[in-house]
Amino acid sequence: MRHKGAELMDAPLELTSGEEEALTLDRALTTDSKGRLTLVGLTVEESIWYIEHKRQWLAERVNDTLRRKSREGRKRYLELYERHEFARLQVIGAEHEVRAENPTKN
């Protein structure tokens, strides 16, 4: 019998086509050592939690009653956001360096 933690570890990062397109353009996606899609700088498990929390936050902006219900997880969300954004900006910086060093390989 598998427990919930094992199921989460095997779960893929599920994105809408719009989310995947936007995250790809933002250089926010990568694959882990097992070939699973993940957010740059985060594990798959962290990416799943982060995306779900972000979706919930966006829904709360639309529905004010939800906003009051859920403040849990905000600290973790912000920690993952910082780690993800730092890694994403490193990717963008590395791409810029390659283009600057090899302008013909754009």
N, C-alpha and C. Protein backbone atom coordinates (compact mmCIF):
# COMPACT_ATOMS: atom_id res chain seq x y z
N MET A 1 0.84 -1.18 0.00
CA MET A 1 0.00 0.00 0.00
C MET A 1 0.89 1.25 0.00
N ARG A 2 0.61 2.18 -0.87
CA ARG A 2 1.41 3.39 -0.97
C ARG A 2 0.78 4.49 -0.13
N HIS A 3 1.66 5.28 0.50
CA HIS A 3 1.12 6.40 1.25
C HIS A 3 1.12 7.66 0.39
N LYS A 4 0.43 8.67 0.85
CA LYS A 4 0.22 9.89 0.07
C LYS A 4 1.54 10.54 -0.36
N GLY A 5 2.56 10.50 0.51
CA GLY A 5 3.86 11.09 0.18
C GLY A 5 4.49 10.43 -1.04
N ALA A 6 4.36 9.10 -1.14
CA ALA A 6 4.90 8.38 -2.29
C ALA A 6 4.16 8.77 -3.56
N GLU A 7 2.85 8.95 -3.45
CA GLU A 7 2.07 9.36 -4.62
C GLU A 7 2.49 10.74 -5.10
N LEU A 8 2.74 11.66 -4.16
CA LEU A 8 3.16 13.01 -4.53
C LEU A 8 4.53 12.97 -5.20
N MET A 9 5.42 12.10 -4.71
CA MET A 9 6.76 12.02 -5.29
C MET A 9 6.71 11.53 -6.74
N ASP A 10 5.70 10.73 -7.08
CA ASP A 10 5.57 10.20 -8.43
C ASP A 10 4.69 11.08 -9.31
N ALA A 11 4.03 12.05 -8.73
CA ALA A 11 3.09 12.89 -9.49
C ALA A 11 3.85 13.82 -10.42
N PRO A 12 3.36 13.97 -11.65
CA PRO A 12 4.01 14.92 -12.57
C PRO A 12 3.51 16.34 -12.30
N LEU A 13 4.29 17.29 -12.73
CA LEU A 13 3.86 18.69 -12.69
C LEU A 13 2.87 18.89 -13.82
N GLU A 14 1.63 19.18 -13.48
CA GLU A 14 0.60 19.35 -14.49
C GLU A 14 0.32 20.83 -14.68
N LEU A 15 0.48 21.28 -15.91
CA LEU A 15 0.27 22.68 -16.26
C LEU A 15 -0.73 22.78 -17.40
N THR A 16 -1.47 23.87 -17.43
CA THR A 16 -2.31 24.13 -18.59
C THR A 16 -1.38 24.52 -19.74
N SER A 17 -1.89 24.48 -20.95
CA SER A 17 -1.05 24.87 -22.09
C SER A 17 -0.62 26.34 -21.96
N GLY A 18 -1.51 27.18 -21.44
CA GLY A 18 -1.17 28.59 -21.24
C GLY A 18 -0.09 28.78 -20.18
N GLU A 19 -0.20 28.03 -19.08
CA GLU A 19 0.83 28.11 -18.03
C GLU A 19 2.18 27.64 -18.57
N GLU A 20 2.16 26.52 -19.30
CA GLU A 20 3.41 25.98 -19.82
C GLU A 20 4.05 26.95 -20.81
N GLU A 21 3.24 27.54 -21.68
CA GLU A 21 3.77 28.49 -22.65
C GLU A 21 4.38 29.70 -21.95
N ALA A 22 3.67 30.27 -20.98
CA ALA A 22 4.19 31.44 -20.27
C ALA A 22 5.45 31.10 -19.48
N LEU A 23 5.46 29.97 -18.80
CA LEU A 23 6.62 29.57 -18.02
C LEU A 23 7.82 29.25 -18.91
N THR A 24 7.57 28.70 -20.08
CA THR A 24 8.66 28.42 -21.02
C THR A 24 9.27 29.73 -21.51
N LEU A 25 8.42 30.68 -21.89
CA LEU A 25 8.92 31.99 -22.34
C LEU A 25 9.70 32.70 -21.24
N ASP A 26 9.30 32.50 -20.00
CA ASP A 26 9.98 33.13 -18.86
C ASP A 26 11.23 32.38 -18.41
N ARG A 27 11.58 31.32 -19.12
CA ARG A 27 12.72 30.47 -18.75
C ARG A 27 12.55 29.90 -17.35
N ALA A 28 11.32 29.53 -17.01
CA ALA A 28 11.00 29.07 -15.67
C ALA A 28 10.90 27.56 -15.55
N LEU A 29 11.00 26.84 -16.67
CA LEU A 29 10.86 25.38 -16.65
C LEU A 29 12.16 24.69 -17.00
N THR A 30 12.32 23.51 -16.43
CA THR A 30 13.46 22.66 -16.75
C THR A 30 13.01 21.22 -16.52
N THR A 31 13.91 20.28 -16.64
CA THR A 31 13.62 18.90 -16.29
C THR A 31 14.62 18.46 -15.23
N ASP A 32 14.17 17.55 -14.37
CA ASP A 32 15.07 17.04 -13.33
C ASP A 32 15.86 15.85 -13.85
N SER A 33 16.64 15.23 -12.98
CA SER A 33 17.51 14.12 -13.39
C SER A 33 16.72 12.91 -13.90
N LYS A 34 15.44 12.84 -13.59
CA LYS A 34 14.58 11.74 -14.06
C LYS A 34 13.79 12.14 -15.29
N GLY A 35 14.04 13.34 -15.83
CA GLY A 35 13.36 13.79 -17.03
C GLY A 35 11.97 14.37 -16.78
N ARG A 36 11.66 14.64 -15.51
CA ARG A 36 10.34 15.19 -15.16
C ARG A 36 10.37 16.71 -15.25
N LEU A 37 9.30 17.29 -15.77
CA LEU A 37 9.16 18.73 -15.86
C LEU A 37 9.08 19.33 -14.47
N THR A 38 9.81 20.42 -14.24
CA THR A 38 9.83 21.08 -12.95
C THR A 38 10.14 22.56 -13.13
N LEU A 39 9.87 23.34 -12.11
CA LEU A 39 10.25 24.75 -12.12
C LEU A 39 11.73 24.86 -11.81
N VAL A 40 12.41 25.75 -12.47
CA VAL A 40 13.84 25.96 -12.25
C VAL A 40 14.08 26.25 -10.76
N GLY A 41 15.04 25.54 -10.18
CA GLY A 41 15.43 25.78 -8.80
C GLY A 41 14.61 25.04 -7.77
N LEU A 42 13.55 24.32 -8.19
CA LEU A 42 12.70 23.59 -7.27
C LEU A 42 12.62 22.13 -7.66
N THR A 43 12.28 21.29 -6.69
CA THR A 43 12.03 19.89 -7.00
C THR A 43 10.64 19.78 -7.65
N VAL A 44 10.32 18.62 -8.18
CA VAL A 44 8.99 18.42 -8.75
C VAL A 44 7.93 18.59 -7.67
N GLU A 45 8.18 18.02 -6.51
CA GLU A 45 7.22 18.11 -5.41
C GLU A 45 7.00 19.57 -5.01
N GLU A 46 8.08 20.34 -4.90
CA GLU A 46 7.97 21.75 -4.56
C GLU A 46 7.25 22.52 -5.68
N SER A 47 7.54 22.16 -6.92
CA SER A 47 6.90 22.82 -8.06
C SER A 47 5.40 22.60 -8.06
N ILE A 48 4.97 21.37 -7.77
CA ILE A 48 3.55 21.05 -7.71
C ILE A 48 2.89 21.90 -6.62
N TRP A 49 3.50 21.92 -5.43
CA TRP A 49 2.94 22.70 -4.32
C TRP A 49 2.88 24.18 -4.70
N TYR A 50 3.96 24.68 -5.27
CA TYR A 50 4.05 26.10 -5.64
C TYR A 50 2.97 26.49 -6.65
N ILE A 51 2.81 25.69 -7.71
CA ILE A 51 1.82 25.99 -8.74
C ILE A 51 0.40 25.92 -8.15
N GLU A 52 0.14 24.90 -7.34
CA GLU A 52 -1.19 24.80 -6.73
C GLU A 52 -1.47 25.99 -5.82
N HIS A 53 -0.48 26.41 -5.05
CA HIS A 53 -0.65 27.54 -4.15
C HIS A 53 -0.83 28.84 -4.95
N LYS A 54 -0.10 28.97 -6.04
CA LYS A 54 -0.23 30.16 -6.88
C LYS A 54 -1.63 30.23 -7.50
N ARG A 55 -2.13 29.10 -7.97
CA ARG A 55 -3.48 29.06 -8.52
C ARG A 55 -4.51 29.46 -7.46
N GLN A 56 -4.32 28.94 -6.24
CA GLN A 56 -5.23 29.27 -5.15
C GLN A 56 -5.17 30.77 -4.86
N TRP A 57 -3.98 31.33 -4.82
CA TRP A 57 -3.81 32.76 -4.56
C TRP A 57 -4.52 33.59 -5.62
N LEU A 58 -4.38 33.18 -6.89
CA LEU A 58 -5.04 33.91 -7.97
C LEU A 58 -6.57 33.82 -7.83
N ALA A 59 -7.06 32.65 -7.46
CA ALA A 59 -8.51 32.48 -7.26
C ALA A 59 -9.00 33.37 -6.11
N GLU A 60 -8.17 33.49 -5.08
CA GLU A 60 -8.53 34.33 -3.95
C GLU A 60 -8.62 35.80 -4.33
N ARG A 61 -7.83 36.21 -5.29
CA ARG A 61 -7.89 37.60 -5.74
C ARG A 61 -9.23 37.89 -6.40
N VAL A 62 -9.79 36.86 -7.03
CA VAL A 62 -11.07 37.01 -7.71
C VAL A 62 -12.22 36.92 -6.70
N ASN A 63 -12.09 36.04 -5.73
CA ASN A 63 -13.15 35.80 -4.75
C ASN A 63 -12.66 36.21 -3.36
N ASP A 64 -13.09 37.36 -2.88
CA ASP A 64 -12.61 37.92 -1.62
C ASP A 64 -12.89 37.03 -0.42
N THR A 65 -13.94 36.21 -0.46
CA THR A 65 -14.22 35.34 0.69
C THR A 65 -13.16 34.25 0.82
N LEU A 66 -12.62 33.79 -0.29
CA LEU A 66 -11.54 32.80 -0.23
C LEU A 66 -10.27 33.41 0.36
N ARG A 67 -10.03 34.67 0.08
CA ARG A 67 -8.83 35.34 0.56
C ARG A 67 -8.73 35.27 2.08
N ARG A 68 -9.85 35.46 2.75
CA ARG A 68 -9.85 35.45 4.21
C ARG A 68 -9.65 34.04 4.76
N LYS A 69 -10.03 33.03 4.01
CA LYS A 69 -9.95 31.65 4.49
C LYS A 69 -8.52 31.11 4.53
N SER A 70 -7.69 31.47 3.58
CA SER A 70 -6.41 30.78 3.45
C SER A 70 -5.22 31.73 3.55
N ARG A 71 -4.58 31.69 4.68
CA ARG A 71 -3.30 32.40 4.84
C ARG A 71 -2.18 31.38 5.05
N GLU A 72 -2.59 30.12 5.21
CA GLU A 72 -1.62 29.04 5.42
C GLU A 72 -0.73 28.88 4.20
N GLY A 73 0.50 28.56 4.44
CA GLY A 73 1.39 28.28 3.34
C GLY A 73 2.03 29.51 2.72
N ARG A 74 1.66 30.70 3.14
CA ARG A 74 2.20 31.91 2.52
C ARG A 74 3.72 32.00 2.69
N LYS A 75 4.21 31.65 3.88
CA LYS A 75 5.65 31.71 4.13
C LYS A 75 6.40 30.74 3.20
N ARG A 76 5.89 29.52 3.10
CA ARG A 76 6.54 28.53 2.22
C ARG A 76 6.48 28.99 0.77
N TYR A 77 5.33 29.51 0.35
CA TYR A 77 5.19 30.01 -1.01
C TYR A 77 6.26 31.07 -1.30
N LEU A 78 6.43 32.00 -0.40
CA LEU A 78 7.42 33.07 -0.61
C LEU A 78 8.85 32.53 -0.64
N GLU A 79 9.14 31.53 0.20
CA GLU A 79 10.47 30.90 0.19
C GLU A 79 10.73 30.21 -1.15
N LEU A 80 9.74 29.46 -1.64
CA LEU A 80 9.90 28.78 -2.93
C LEU A 80 9.97 29.79 -4.06
N TYR A 81 9.18 30.85 -3.98
CA TYR A 81 9.21 31.91 -4.99
C TYR A 81 10.61 32.51 -5.10
N GLU A 82 11.21 32.84 -3.96
CA GLU A 82 12.55 33.42 -3.98
C GLU A 82 13.56 32.47 -4.60
N ARG A 83 13.53 31.20 -4.22
CA ARG A 83 14.48 30.22 -4.75
C ARG A 83 14.28 30.02 -6.25
N HIS A 84 13.02 29.92 -6.66
CA HIS A 84 12.71 29.72 -8.08
C HIS A 84 13.14 30.93 -8.91
N GLU A 85 12.80 32.13 -8.46
CA GLU A 85 13.15 33.34 -9.20
C GLU A 85 14.66 33.52 -9.29
N PHE A 86 15.39 33.23 -8.23
CA PHE A 86 16.84 33.33 -8.26
C PHE A 86 17.43 32.40 -9.31
N ALA A 87 16.95 31.16 -9.33
CA ALA A 87 17.44 30.18 -10.32
C ALA A 87 17.04 30.59 -11.73
N ARG A 88 15.81 31.09 -11.89
CA ARG A 88 15.34 31.51 -13.22
C ARG A 88 16.18 32.67 -13.75
N LEU A 89 16.51 33.61 -12.90
CA LEU A 89 17.33 34.74 -13.33
C LEU A 89 18.75 34.31 -13.66
N GLN A 90 19.25 33.29 -12.98
CA GLN A 90 20.56 32.74 -13.33
C GLN A 90 20.54 32.14 -14.73
N VAL A 91 19.46 31.45 -15.07
CA VAL A 91 19.31 30.87 -16.41
C VAL A 91 19.31 31.98 -17.46
N ILE A 92 18.54 33.02 -17.22
CA ILE A 92 18.48 34.14 -18.16
C ILE A 92 19.85 34.81 -18.30
N GLY A 93 20.53 34.98 -17.18
CA GLY A 93 21.87 35.58 -17.21
C GLY A 93 22.86 34.74 -18.00
N ALA A 94 22.80 33.43 -17.81
CA ALA A 94 23.71 32.53 -18.54
C ALA A 94 23.42 32.58 -20.03
N GLU A 95 22.13 32.63 -20.41
CA GLU A 95 21.78 32.73 -21.83
C GLU A 95 22.29 34.05 -22.42
N HIS A 96 22.19 35.10 -21.65
CA HIS A 96 22.68 36.42 -22.11
C HIS A 96 24.19 36.39 -22.33
N GLU A 97 24.92 35.77 -21.40
CA GLU A 97 26.37 35.66 -21.54
C GLU A 97 26.75 34.90 -22.80
N VAL A 98 26.06 33.81 -23.07
CA VAL A 98 26.36 33.02 -24.27
C VAL A 98 26.12 33.86 -25.52
N ARG A 99 25.01 34.59 -25.54
CA ARG A 99 24.72 35.45 -26.70
C ARG A 99 25.74 36.56 -26.84
N ALA A 100 26.19 37.12 -25.73
CA ALA A 100 27.16 38.21 -25.78
C ALA A 100 28.52 37.71 -26.26
N GLU A 101 28.89 36.49 -25.84
CA GLU A 101 30.18 35.92 -26.23
C GLU A 101 30.17 35.38 -27.66
N ASN A 102 29.02 34.92 -28.11
CA ASN A 102 28.88 34.33 -29.45
C ASN A 102 27.68 34.96 -30.16
N PRO A 103 27.78 36.21 -30.57
CA PRO A 103 26.63 36.89 -31.14
C PRO A 103 26.07 36.23 -32.40
N THR A 104 26.85 35.43 -33.09
CA THR A 104 26.36 34.78 -34.31
C THR A 104 25.53 33.54 -34.00
N LYS A 105 25.52 33.07 -32.73
CA LYS A 105 24.78 31.87 -32.37
C LYS A 105 23.43 32.20 -31.75
N ASN A 106 22.88 33.38 -31.98
CA ASN A 106 21.58 33.75 -31.42
C ASN A 106 20.56 32.83 -31.92
